Amino acid sequence: MARDDWRLRVELGEDGAGGLLRRLHLLGSDARDLARELEDQRLAVTVDGGTIFVYADSSLALERAEQVIDAEIREAEVEPEMIVREHWLADERRWDDEPPGPDPESQTIKAGYAPWEVRIPCRSHDAAHELADRLEQEGYGVVRRWSYVIAGTATREDAQELARRLHGEVEPGGELVWETSPGNPFAIFGGLGGTGTPL
């Protein structure tokens, strides 16, 4: 299955974008070939205001499209504001010329959630109570349920280490909202402060 991991962003302004699209469908054999490729869904084109986006599954296909579009822009005597090749960064969920977004863990902390949690099953209600007390003394923010404990950690690595030590399961945070003391937004995380109180 083809993936549109490459795109060309052509910023022309409202009038220029419409004119270029008309030219690609009407003029030049290369432009007609490109239009046919677009129609065959080998390349996709979208327009957002005065910006045209051409999507392709490889840098080679994008390069060919750029050559034709560049020739048509010159022929039409249109001055583009910008032409940018972009590659999709799947892990970061953004195009490579866009600035990185905020770190998800930082956003989670700012929202008052533990970025990572370790769910630890216990043999009994009393064992869960004892474990919760012990983890609180170690500096972890914890929530005790009938026969398990959830401990919040600041990083995945901390969560994995705690899970190995206590035979727990690591989960992304966000399930528990914590009320922290003023001036200590990290109260729920092991080694970073006192304990938090679940809301």
N, C-alpha and C. Protein backbone atom coordinates (compact mmCIF):
# COMPACT_ATOMS: atom_id res chain seq x y z
N MET A 1 0.84 -1.18 0.00
CA MET A 1 0.00 0.00 0.00
C MET A 1 0.88 1.24 0.00
N ALA A 2 0.60 2.16 -0.90
CA ALA A 2 1.38 3.40 -0.99
C ALA A 2 1.10 4.30 0.19
N ARG A 3 2.14 4.99 0.63
CA ARG A 3 1.98 5.95 1.72
C ARG A 3 2.44 7.30 1.23
N ASP A 4 1.66 8.31 1.51
CA ASP A 4 2.01 9.67 1.09
C ASP A 4 2.89 10.32 2.15
N ASP A 5 4.14 9.84 2.22
CA ASP A 5 5.07 10.32 3.25
C ASP A 5 5.85 11.55 2.80
N TRP A 6 5.66 11.97 1.56
CA TRP A 6 6.36 13.14 1.02
C TRP A 6 5.33 14.11 0.49
N ARG A 7 5.61 15.39 0.63
CA ARG A 7 4.72 16.36 0.01
C ARG A 7 5.50 17.60 -0.40
N LEU A 8 4.94 18.27 -1.39
CA LEU A 8 5.47 19.53 -1.86
C LEU A 8 4.46 20.59 -1.47
N ARG A 9 4.92 21.61 -0.75
CA ARG A 9 4.04 22.71 -0.36
C ARG A 9 4.39 23.91 -1.22
N VAL A 10 3.42 24.32 -2.03
CA VAL A 10 3.62 25.44 -2.95
C VAL A 10 2.70 26.56 -2.50
N GLU A 11 3.28 27.63 -1.98
CA GLU A 11 2.50 28.77 -1.51
C GLU A 11 2.50 29.84 -2.59
N LEU A 12 1.30 30.05 -3.17
CA LEU A 12 1.17 30.96 -4.31
C LEU A 12 0.22 32.11 -4.07
N GLY A 13 -0.55 32.07 -3.01
CA GLY A 13 -1.62 33.04 -2.84
C GLY A 13 -2.87 32.50 -3.54
N GLU A 14 -4.03 33.02 -3.17
CA GLU A 14 -5.33 32.51 -3.66
C GLU A 14 -5.42 32.44 -5.18
N ASP A 15 -5.10 33.53 -5.88
CA ASP A 15 -5.23 33.56 -7.34
C ASP A 15 -4.22 32.64 -8.01
N GLY A 16 -2.99 32.66 -7.53
CA GLY A 16 -1.95 31.84 -8.13
C GLY A 16 -2.22 30.35 -8.02
N ALA A 17 -2.76 29.91 -6.89
CA ALA A 17 -3.02 28.48 -6.69
C ALA A 17 -4.06 27.98 -7.68
N GLY A 18 -5.15 28.72 -7.83
CA GLY A 18 -6.19 28.31 -8.78
C GLY A 18 -5.67 28.31 -10.21
N GLY A 19 -4.89 29.32 -10.57
CA GLY A 19 -4.32 29.40 -11.91
C GLY A 19 -3.38 28.25 -12.21
N LEU A 20 -2.57 27.89 -11.25
CA LEU A 20 -1.63 26.77 -11.45
C LEU A 20 -2.38 25.47 -11.66
N LEU A 21 -3.40 25.23 -10.87
CA LEU A 21 -4.17 24.00 -11.03
C LEU A 21 -4.81 23.93 -12.41
N ARG A 22 -5.33 25.05 -12.89
CA ARG A 22 -5.93 25.07 -14.24
C ARG A 22 -4.87 24.77 -15.29
N ARG A 23 -3.68 25.35 -15.14
CA ARG A 23 -2.60 25.13 -16.11
C ARG A 23 -2.20 23.67 -16.13
N LEU A 24 -2.12 23.03 -14.99
CA LEU A 24 -1.69 21.63 -14.95
C LEU A 24 -2.65 20.73 -15.71
N HIS A 25 -3.91 21.11 -15.76
CA HIS A 25 -4.89 20.29 -16.47
C HIS A 25 -4.97 20.63 -17.95
N LEU A 26 -4.48 21.82 -18.36
CA LEU A 26 -4.72 22.26 -19.73
C LEU A 26 -3.47 22.35 -20.60
N LEU A 27 -2.30 22.59 -19.99
CA LEU A 27 -1.14 22.93 -20.81
C LEU A 27 -0.01 21.92 -20.69
N GLY A 28 0.78 21.81 -21.73
CA GLY A 28 2.02 21.08 -21.71
C GLY A 28 1.87 19.59 -21.56
N SER A 29 2.67 18.81 -22.30
CA SER A 29 2.56 17.35 -22.22
C SER A 29 3.01 16.84 -20.85
N ASP A 30 4.07 17.43 -20.28
CA ASP A 30 4.50 17.02 -18.94
C ASP A 30 3.42 17.30 -17.91
N ALA A 31 2.77 18.46 -18.06
CA ALA A 31 1.70 18.80 -17.14
C ALA A 31 0.53 17.84 -17.29
N ARG A 32 0.22 17.48 -18.56
CA ARG A 32 -0.87 16.51 -18.76
C ARG A 32 -0.51 15.15 -18.16
N ASP A 33 0.78 14.74 -18.32
CA ASP A 33 1.21 13.47 -17.71
C ASP A 33 1.06 13.53 -16.20
N LEU A 34 1.45 14.65 -15.62
CA LEU A 34 1.31 14.80 -14.17
C LEU A 34 -0.16 14.76 -13.78
N ALA A 35 -1.00 15.48 -14.54
CA ALA A 35 -2.43 15.47 -14.25
C ALA A 35 -2.99 14.05 -14.32
N ARG A 36 -2.52 13.27 -15.33
CA ARG A 36 -2.98 11.87 -15.42
C ARG A 36 -2.54 11.07 -14.21
N GLU A 37 -1.28 11.28 -13.78
CA GLU A 37 -0.80 10.59 -12.58
C GLU A 37 -1.65 10.95 -11.37
N LEU A 38 -1.97 12.24 -11.27
CA LEU A 38 -2.81 12.68 -10.16
C LEU A 38 -4.16 11.98 -10.23
N GLU A 39 -4.73 11.92 -11.44
CA GLU A 39 -6.04 11.28 -11.59
C GLU A 39 -5.97 9.80 -11.31
N ASP A 40 -4.85 9.16 -11.62
CA ASP A 40 -4.68 7.72 -11.34
C ASP A 40 -4.37 7.48 -9.87
N GLN A 41 -4.35 8.53 -9.09
CA GLN A 41 -4.14 8.48 -7.63
C GLN A 41 -2.74 8.03 -7.26
N ARG A 42 -1.80 8.21 -8.17
CA ARG A 42 -0.41 7.94 -7.81
C ARG A 42 0.16 9.13 -7.04
N LEU A 43 -0.42 10.29 -7.28
CA LEU A 43 -0.09 11.48 -6.51
C LEU A 43 -1.42 12.13 -6.14
N ALA A 44 -1.43 12.80 -5.03
CA ALA A 44 -2.66 13.48 -4.60
C ALA A 44 -2.35 14.96 -4.43
N VAL A 45 -3.35 15.79 -4.75
CA VAL A 45 -3.19 17.24 -4.62
C VAL A 45 -4.33 17.78 -3.78
N THR A 46 -3.99 18.66 -2.84
CA THR A 46 -5.02 19.38 -2.10
C THR A 46 -4.69 20.87 -2.17
N VAL A 47 -5.71 21.67 -1.98
CA VAL A 47 -5.53 23.12 -1.97
C VAL A 47 -6.12 23.64 -0.67
N ASP A 48 -5.34 24.47 0.00
CA ASP A 48 -5.81 25.11 1.22
C ASP A 48 -5.55 26.61 1.06
N GLY A 49 -6.59 27.34 0.70
CA GLY A 49 -6.42 28.77 0.44
C GLY A 49 -5.49 28.96 -0.73
N GLY A 50 -4.39 29.63 -0.51
CA GLY A 50 -3.42 29.89 -1.57
C GLY A 50 -2.26 28.91 -1.59
N THR A 51 -2.41 27.78 -0.90
CA THR A 51 -1.34 26.80 -0.83
C THR A 51 -1.77 25.50 -1.49
N ILE A 52 -0.92 24.98 -2.36
CA ILE A 52 -1.16 23.70 -3.00
C ILE A 52 -0.24 22.68 -2.35
N PHE A 53 -0.77 21.52 -2.01
CA PHE A 53 0.02 20.41 -1.47
C PHE A 53 -0.03 19.27 -2.47
N VAL A 54 1.13 18.76 -2.86
CA VAL A 54 1.22 17.59 -3.73
C VAL A 54 1.85 16.47 -2.90
N TYR A 55 1.13 15.36 -2.75
CA TYR A 55 1.57 14.25 -1.91
C TYR A 55 2.10 13.11 -2.78
N ALA A 56 3.18 12.49 -2.35
CA ALA A 56 3.78 11.38 -3.09
C ALA A 56 4.30 10.33 -2.12
N ASP A 57 4.54 9.12 -2.65
CA ASP A 57 5.02 8.05 -1.78
C ASP A 57 6.54 7.90 -1.80
N SER A 58 7.22 8.75 -2.58
CA SER A 58 8.68 8.70 -2.59
C SER A 58 9.23 10.08 -2.93
N SER A 59 10.49 10.29 -2.57
CA SER A 59 11.12 11.57 -2.89
C SER A 59 11.32 11.70 -4.40
N LEU A 60 11.51 10.58 -5.10
CA LEU A 60 11.68 10.61 -6.54
C LEU A 60 10.40 11.08 -7.24
N ALA A 61 9.26 10.54 -6.84
CA ALA A 61 7.98 10.97 -7.41
C ALA A 61 7.74 12.44 -7.11
N LEU A 62 8.11 12.88 -5.93
CA LEU A 62 7.92 14.28 -5.55
C LEU A 62 8.84 15.19 -6.38
N GLU A 63 10.06 14.72 -6.62
CA GLU A 63 11.01 15.50 -7.41
C GLU A 63 10.47 15.70 -8.84
N ARG A 64 9.92 14.66 -9.43
CA ARG A 64 9.36 14.76 -10.78
C ARG A 64 8.20 15.76 -10.79
N ALA A 65 7.31 15.64 -9.82
CA ALA A 65 6.18 16.58 -9.73
C ALA A 65 6.68 18.01 -9.56
N GLU A 66 7.72 18.19 -8.75
CA GLU A 66 8.25 19.54 -8.52
C GLU A 66 8.81 20.14 -9.80
N GLN A 67 9.49 19.33 -10.64
CA GLN A 67 10.03 19.84 -11.89
C GLN A 67 8.92 20.36 -12.80
N VAL A 68 7.85 19.58 -12.91
CA VAL A 68 6.74 19.99 -13.78
C VAL A 68 6.06 21.24 -13.22
N ILE A 69 5.80 21.24 -11.94
CA ILE A 69 5.13 22.38 -11.32
C ILE A 69 5.99 23.64 -11.43
N ASP A 70 7.30 23.49 -11.23
CA ASP A 70 8.21 24.62 -11.34
C ASP A 70 8.19 25.19 -12.76
N ALA A 71 8.19 24.31 -13.76
CA ALA A 71 8.14 24.76 -15.16
C ALA A 71 6.83 25.50 -15.43
N GLU A 72 5.74 24.99 -14.91
CA GLU A 72 4.44 25.64 -15.13
C GLU A 72 4.34 26.98 -14.40
N ILE A 73 4.95 27.07 -13.25
CA ILE A 73 4.98 28.35 -12.50
C ILE A 73 5.74 29.39 -13.31
N ARG A 74 6.90 29.00 -13.88
CA ARG A 74 7.68 29.94 -14.69
C ARG A 74 6.90 30.35 -15.94
N GLU A 75 6.25 29.36 -16.58
CA GLU A 75 5.46 29.64 -17.79
C GLU A 75 4.33 30.62 -17.51
N ALA A 76 3.72 30.47 -16.34
CA ALA A 76 2.60 31.35 -15.97
C ALA A 76 3.08 32.69 -15.43
N GLU A 77 4.40 32.81 -15.27
CA GLU A 77 5.01 34.03 -14.73
C GLU A 77 4.41 34.38 -13.36
N VAL A 78 4.26 33.35 -12.55
CA VAL A 78 3.77 33.51 -11.18
C VAL A 78 4.97 33.42 -10.26
N GLU A 79 5.01 34.27 -9.28
CA GLU A 79 6.11 34.26 -8.31
C GLU A 79 5.65 33.56 -7.03
N PRO A 80 6.08 32.32 -6.79
CA PRO A 80 5.65 31.63 -5.57
C PRO A 80 6.26 32.29 -4.33
N GLU A 81 5.47 32.31 -3.28
CA GLU A 81 5.98 32.80 -2.00
C GLU A 81 6.97 31.81 -1.42
N MET A 82 6.68 30.52 -1.65
CA MET A 82 7.53 29.49 -1.09
C MET A 82 7.22 28.15 -1.75
N ILE A 83 8.26 27.35 -2.00
CA ILE A 83 8.10 25.96 -2.44
C ILE A 83 8.97 25.13 -1.50
N VAL A 84 8.35 24.21 -0.79
CA VAL A 84 9.07 23.44 0.23
C VAL A 84 8.79 21.95 0.05
N ARG A 85 9.85 21.16 0.03
CA ARG A 85 9.69 19.70 0.08
C ARG A 85 9.62 19.30 1.54
N GLU A 86 8.66 18.43 1.84
CA GLU A 86 8.48 18.01 3.23
C GLU A 86 8.40 16.49 3.31
N HIS A 87 8.94 15.96 4.38
CA HIS A 87 8.88 14.52 4.63
C HIS A 87 8.17 14.29 5.96
N TRP A 88 7.26 13.31 5.99
CA TRP A 88 6.48 13.02 7.19
C TRP A 88 7.34 12.23 8.18
N LEU A 89 7.45 12.71 9.41
CA LEU A 89 8.17 12.03 10.49
C LEU A 89 7.12 11.31 11.33
N ALA A 90 6.92 10.03 11.02
CA ALA A 90 5.82 9.28 11.63
C ALA A 90 5.95 9.22 13.15
N ASP A 91 7.17 9.01 13.67
CA ASP A 91 7.35 8.90 15.11
C ASP A 91 6.98 10.20 15.84
N GLU A 92 7.21 11.33 15.18
CA GLU A 92 6.93 12.62 15.80
C GLU A 92 5.60 13.21 15.35
N ARG A 93 4.95 12.55 14.37
CA ARG A 93 3.64 12.96 13.85
C ARG A 93 3.65 14.42 13.38
N ARG A 94 4.67 14.74 12.55
CA ARG A 94 4.78 16.09 12.00
C ARG A 94 5.62 16.04 10.73
N TRP A 95 5.50 17.10 9.91
CA TRP A 95 6.35 17.25 8.73
C TRP A 95 7.70 17.77 9.19
N ASP A 96 8.77 17.38 8.48
CA ASP A 96 10.12 17.68 8.95
C ASP A 96 10.48 19.17 9.00
N ASP A 97 9.75 20.03 8.30
CA ASP A 97 10.07 21.46 8.38
C ASP A 97 9.26 22.18 9.45
N GLU A 98 8.40 21.44 10.16
CA GLU A 98 7.62 22.02 11.25
C GLU A 98 8.40 21.87 12.55
N PRO A 99 8.29 22.81 13.47
CA PRO A 99 9.01 22.67 14.74
C PRO A 99 8.43 21.51 15.55
N PRO A 100 9.27 20.83 16.31
CA PRO A 100 8.76 19.76 17.16
C PRO A 100 7.74 20.29 18.14
N GLY A 101 6.73 19.49 18.40
CA GLY A 101 5.71 19.87 19.38
C GLY A 101 6.22 19.66 20.79
N PRO A 102 5.43 20.04 21.77
CA PRO A 102 5.85 19.84 23.15
C PRO A 102 5.97 18.36 23.47
N ASP A 103 6.88 18.05 24.34
CA ASP A 103 7.10 16.68 24.80
C ASP A 103 5.85 16.17 25.51
N PRO A 104 5.31 15.01 25.09
CA PRO A 104 4.08 14.50 25.72
C PRO A 104 4.20 14.34 27.24
N GLU A 105 5.38 13.91 27.72
CA GLU A 105 5.54 13.74 29.16
C GLU A 105 5.45 15.08 29.89
N SER A 106 6.02 16.13 29.29
CA SER A 106 5.93 17.46 29.90
C SER A 106 4.49 17.94 29.96
N GLN A 107 3.74 17.69 28.86
CA GLN A 107 2.34 18.08 28.83
C GLN A 107 1.55 17.32 29.91
N THR A 108 1.86 16.05 30.08
CA THR A 108 1.16 15.24 31.08
C THR A 108 1.44 15.76 32.48
N ILE A 109 2.70 16.08 32.76
CA ILE A 109 3.07 16.62 34.07
C ILE A 109 2.35 17.96 34.30
N LYS A 110 2.36 18.82 33.27
CA LYS A 110 1.73 20.13 33.39
C LYS A 110 0.24 20.01 33.69
N ALA A 111 -0.39 18.97 33.14
CA ALA A 111 -1.82 18.74 33.37
C ALA A 111 -2.09 18.10 34.74
N GLY A 112 -1.03 17.77 35.48
CA GLY A 112 -1.21 17.20 36.81
C GLY A 112 -1.33 15.69 36.82
N TYR A 113 -0.88 15.04 35.75
CA TYR A 113 -0.92 13.58 35.66
C TYR A 113 0.48 13.01 35.79
N ALA A 114 0.57 11.78 36.27
CA ALA A 114 1.84 11.07 36.25
C ALA A 114 2.05 10.58 34.82
N PRO A 115 3.20 10.87 34.19
CA PRO A 115 3.42 10.43 32.82
C PRO A 115 3.42 8.91 32.68
N TRP A 116 3.89 8.23 33.72
CA TRP A 116 3.95 6.76 33.69
C TRP A 116 3.44 6.22 35.02
N GLU A 117 2.78 5.09 34.96
CA GLU A 117 2.24 4.46 36.15
C GLU A 117 2.62 2.99 36.17
N VAL A 118 2.76 2.48 37.36
CA VAL A 118 3.02 1.05 37.54
C VAL A 118 1.88 0.49 38.37
N ARG A 119 1.18 -0.47 37.80
CA ARG A 119 0.08 -1.16 38.50
C ARG A 119 0.68 -2.43 39.10
N ILE A 120 0.59 -2.53 40.42
CA ILE A 120 1.21 -3.65 41.13
C ILE A 120 0.14 -4.46 41.86
N PRO A 121 -0.10 -5.69 41.42
CA PRO A 121 -1.08 -6.53 42.11
C PRO A 121 -0.51 -7.03 43.45
N CYS A 122 -1.37 -7.18 44.43
CA CYS A 122 -0.96 -7.64 45.75
C CYS A 122 -1.78 -8.87 46.15
N ARG A 123 -1.25 -9.65 47.11
CA ARG A 123 -1.93 -10.88 47.56
C ARG A 123 -3.24 -10.59 48.28
N SER A 124 -3.29 -9.44 48.95
CA SER A 124 -4.46 -9.15 49.77
C SER A 124 -4.61 -7.65 49.96
N HIS A 125 -5.70 -7.27 50.59
CA HIS A 125 -5.95 -5.87 50.92
C HIS A 125 -4.86 -5.36 51.86
N ASP A 126 -4.51 -6.15 52.87
CA ASP A 126 -3.46 -5.73 53.82
C ASP A 126 -2.11 -5.58 53.13
N ALA A 127 -1.79 -6.49 52.19
CA ALA A 127 -0.52 -6.40 51.46
C ALA A 127 -0.48 -5.14 50.61
N ALA A 128 -1.60 -4.77 50.00
CA ALA A 128 -1.67 -3.55 49.20
C ALA A 128 -1.44 -2.33 50.09
N HIS A 129 -2.03 -2.34 51.28
CA HIS A 129 -1.87 -1.24 52.24
C HIS A 129 -0.40 -1.10 52.63
N GLU A 130 0.25 -2.22 52.93
CA GLU A 130 1.66 -2.19 53.33
C GLU A 130 2.55 -1.69 52.19
N LEU A 131 2.29 -2.18 50.98
CA LEU A 131 3.09 -1.75 49.84
C LEU A 131 2.91 -0.26 49.56
N ALA A 132 1.69 0.23 49.65
CA ALA A 132 1.43 1.65 49.43
C ALA A 132 2.21 2.50 50.44
N ASP A 133 2.18 2.08 51.70
CA ASP A 133 2.93 2.81 52.73
C ASP A 133 4.43 2.82 52.41
N ARG A 134 4.95 1.67 52.02
CA ARG A 134 6.38 1.56 51.72
C ARG A 134 6.77 2.45 50.54
N LEU A 135 5.95 2.43 49.48
CA LEU A 135 6.26 3.25 48.31
C LEU A 135 6.15 4.75 48.62
N GLU A 136 5.19 5.12 49.45
CA GLU A 136 5.09 6.53 49.86
C GLU A 136 6.34 6.95 50.61
N GLN A 137 6.87 6.07 51.47
CA GLN A 137 8.10 6.39 52.20
C GLN A 137 9.29 6.52 51.25
N GLU A 138 9.25 5.81 50.13
CA GLU A 138 10.32 5.93 49.13
C GLU A 138 10.15 7.17 48.26
N GLY A 139 9.04 7.89 48.43
CA GLY A 139 8.84 9.13 47.69
C GLY A 139 7.92 9.03 46.49
N TYR A 140 7.30 7.88 46.27
CA TYR A 140 6.36 7.73 45.16
C TYR A 140 4.98 8.22 45.55
N GLY A 141 4.28 8.81 44.58
CA GLY A 141 2.87 9.09 44.76
C GLY A 141 2.11 7.80 44.46
N VAL A 142 1.22 7.40 45.32
CA VAL A 142 0.53 6.12 45.12
C VAL A 142 -0.97 6.26 45.33
N VAL A 143 -1.67 5.33 44.71
CA VAL A 143 -3.09 5.15 44.96
C VAL A 143 -3.26 3.67 45.31
N ARG A 144 -3.94 3.40 46.40
CA ARG A 144 -4.16 2.02 46.81
C ARG A 144 -5.60 1.66 46.54
N ARG A 145 -5.78 0.56 45.86
CA ARG A 145 -7.10 -0.02 45.66
C ARG A 145 -7.16 -1.29 46.48
N TRP A 146 -8.24 -2.00 46.42
CA TRP A 146 -8.45 -3.13 47.33
C TRP A 146 -7.26 -4.08 47.36
N SER A 147 -6.82 -4.57 46.21
CA SER A 147 -5.71 -5.52 46.22
C SER A 147 -4.63 -5.18 45.20
N TYR A 148 -4.51 -3.91 44.87
CA TYR A 148 -3.39 -3.47 44.03
C TYR A 148 -3.05 -2.02 44.35
N VAL A 149 -1.85 -1.64 43.90
CA VAL A 149 -1.34 -0.29 44.13
C VAL A 149 -0.91 0.28 42.78
N ILE A 150 -1.18 1.55 42.57
CA ILE A 150 -0.69 2.24 41.38
C ILE A 150 0.29 3.31 41.86
N ALA A 151 1.51 3.26 41.30
CA ALA A 151 2.54 4.23 41.65
C ALA A 151 2.87 5.08 40.43
N GLY A 152 2.89 6.40 40.58
CA GLY A 152 3.23 7.31 39.49
C GLY A 152 4.73 7.52 39.43
N THR A 153 5.27 7.57 38.19
CA THR A 153 6.69 7.84 38.00
C THR A 153 6.87 8.93 36.95
N ALA A 154 8.03 9.56 36.97
CA ALA A 154 8.31 10.66 36.05
C ALA A 154 8.74 10.19 34.68
N THR A 155 9.34 9.00 34.57
CA THR A 155 9.82 8.52 33.28
C THR A 155 9.45 7.06 33.08
N ARG A 156 9.49 6.66 31.83
CA ARG A 156 9.21 5.25 31.50
C ARG A 156 10.27 4.35 32.13
N GLU A 157 11.52 4.80 32.12
CA GLU A 157 12.60 4.00 32.68
C GLU A 157 12.37 3.76 34.18
N ASP A 158 11.95 4.82 34.90
CA ASP A 158 11.65 4.65 36.33
C ASP A 158 10.52 3.65 36.52
N ALA A 159 9.51 3.75 35.67
CA ALA A 159 8.37 2.84 35.77
C ALA A 159 8.79 1.41 35.49
N GLN A 160 9.63 1.20 34.48
CA GLN A 160 10.09 -0.15 34.15
C GLN A 160 10.92 -0.74 35.29
N GLU A 161 11.77 0.07 35.89
CA GLU A 161 12.59 -0.41 37.01
C GLU A 161 11.70 -0.81 38.19
N LEU A 162 10.73 0.04 38.52
CA LEU A 162 9.82 -0.28 39.63
C LEU A 162 9.00 -1.52 39.31
N ALA A 163 8.55 -1.64 38.07
CA ALA A 163 7.76 -2.81 37.67
C ALA A 163 8.59 -4.08 37.78
N ARG A 164 9.86 -4.03 37.38
CA ARG A 164 10.74 -5.22 37.51
C ARG A 164 10.91 -5.60 38.98
N ARG A 165 11.12 -4.59 39.80
CA ARG A 165 11.38 -4.85 41.22
C ARG A 165 10.16 -5.44 41.92
N LEU A 166 8.96 -4.97 41.54
CA LEU A 166 7.76 -5.38 42.27
C LEU A 166 6.78 -6.20 41.44
N HIS A 167 7.22 -6.65 40.26
CA HIS A 167 6.38 -7.49 39.40
C HIS A 167 5.08 -6.78 39.02
N GLY A 168 5.23 -5.53 38.63
CA GLY A 168 4.05 -4.75 38.23
C GLY A 168 3.99 -4.60 36.72
N GLU A 169 2.99 -3.86 36.26
CA GLU A 169 2.80 -3.60 34.84
C GLU A 169 2.93 -2.10 34.59
N VAL A 170 3.73 -1.75 33.60
CA VAL A 170 3.92 -0.35 33.23
C VAL A 170 2.80 0.08 32.29
N GLU A 171 2.23 1.26 32.57
CA GLU A 171 1.17 1.82 31.72
C GLU A 171 1.45 3.30 31.53
N PRO A 172 1.08 3.84 30.36
CA PRO A 172 1.19 5.30 30.21
C PRO A 172 0.31 5.96 31.26
N GLY A 173 0.76 7.10 31.77
CA GLY A 173 0.00 7.80 32.80
C GLY A 173 -1.22 8.49 32.25
N GLY A 174 -1.87 9.21 33.12
CA GLY A 174 -3.04 9.97 32.70
C GLY A 174 -4.32 9.46 33.30
N GLU A 175 -4.28 8.31 33.95
CA GLU A 175 -5.48 7.78 34.57
C GLU A 175 -5.81 8.52 35.86
N LEU A 176 -4.77 8.94 36.55
CA LEU A 176 -4.97 9.54 37.86
C LEU A 176 -4.66 11.03 37.83
N VAL A 177 -5.55 11.81 38.37
CA VAL A 177 -5.30 13.25 38.51
C VAL A 177 -4.80 13.46 39.93
N TRP A 178 -3.75 14.26 40.07
CA TRP A 178 -3.16 14.46 41.38
C TRP A 178 -3.29 15.91 41.80
N GLU A 179 -3.56 16.09 43.05
CA GLU A 179 -3.60 17.41 43.64
C GLU A 179 -2.28 17.56 44.37
N THR A 180 -1.45 18.51 43.95
CA THR A 180 -0.14 18.65 44.56
C THR A 180 -0.08 19.91 45.40
N SER A 181 0.87 19.90 46.31
CA SER A 181 1.03 21.08 47.15
C SER A 181 1.56 22.23 46.31
N PRO A 182 1.19 23.47 46.61
CA PRO A 182 1.65 24.62 45.83
C PRO A 182 3.18 24.65 45.75
N GLY A 183 3.67 24.98 44.56
CA GLY A 183 5.11 25.09 44.38
C GLY A 183 5.81 23.77 44.17
N ASN A 184 5.09 22.65 44.18
CA ASN A 184 5.72 21.36 43.99
C ASN A 184 4.93 20.54 42.98
N PRO A 185 5.04 20.86 41.68
CA PRO A 185 4.26 20.14 40.68
C PRO A 185 4.69 18.70 40.50
N PHE A 186 5.84 18.31 41.08
CA PHE A 186 6.33 16.96 40.93
C PHE A 186 6.11 16.11 42.17
N ALA A 187 5.17 16.49 42.99
CA ALA A 187 4.99 15.81 44.26
C ALA A 187 4.67 14.33 44.11
N ILE A 188 4.13 13.93 42.97
CA ILE A 188 3.73 12.53 42.84
C ILE A 188 4.85 11.62 42.39
N PHE A 189 5.98 12.18 41.96
CA PHE A 189 7.00 11.35 41.35
C PHE A 189 8.06 10.94 42.36
N GLY A 190 8.44 9.67 42.25
CA GLY A 190 9.46 9.13 43.16
C GLY A 190 10.74 9.94 43.14
N GLY A 191 11.25 10.25 44.31
CA GLY A 191 12.51 10.94 44.44
C GLY A 191 12.45 12.43 44.16
N LEU A 192 11.29 12.97 43.81
CA LEU A 192 11.21 14.38 43.46
C LEU A 192 10.41 15.22 44.46
N GLY A 193 9.86 14.61 45.49
CA GLY A 193 9.11 15.40 46.43
C GLY A 193 8.18 14.54 47.24
N GLY A 194 7.26 15.20 47.95
CA GLY A 194 6.29 14.49 48.76
C GLY A 194 5.22 13.82 47.92
N THR A 195 4.25 13.24 48.57
CA THR A 195 3.21 12.53 47.85
C THR A 195 2.09 13.45 47.46
N GLY A 196 1.37 13.04 46.45
CA GLY A 196 0.19 13.79 46.01
C GLY A 196 -1.06 13.12 46.53
N THR A 197 -2.16 13.77 46.35
CA THR A 197 -3.44 13.23 46.80
C THR A 197 -4.34 13.07 45.59
N PRO A 198 -4.86 11.84 45.34
CA PRO A 198 -5.72 11.68 44.17
C PRO A 198 -7.01 12.42 44.35
N LEU A 199 -7.51 13.01 43.28
CA LEU A 199 -8.79 13.70 43.32
C LEU A 199 -9.91 12.73 43.09
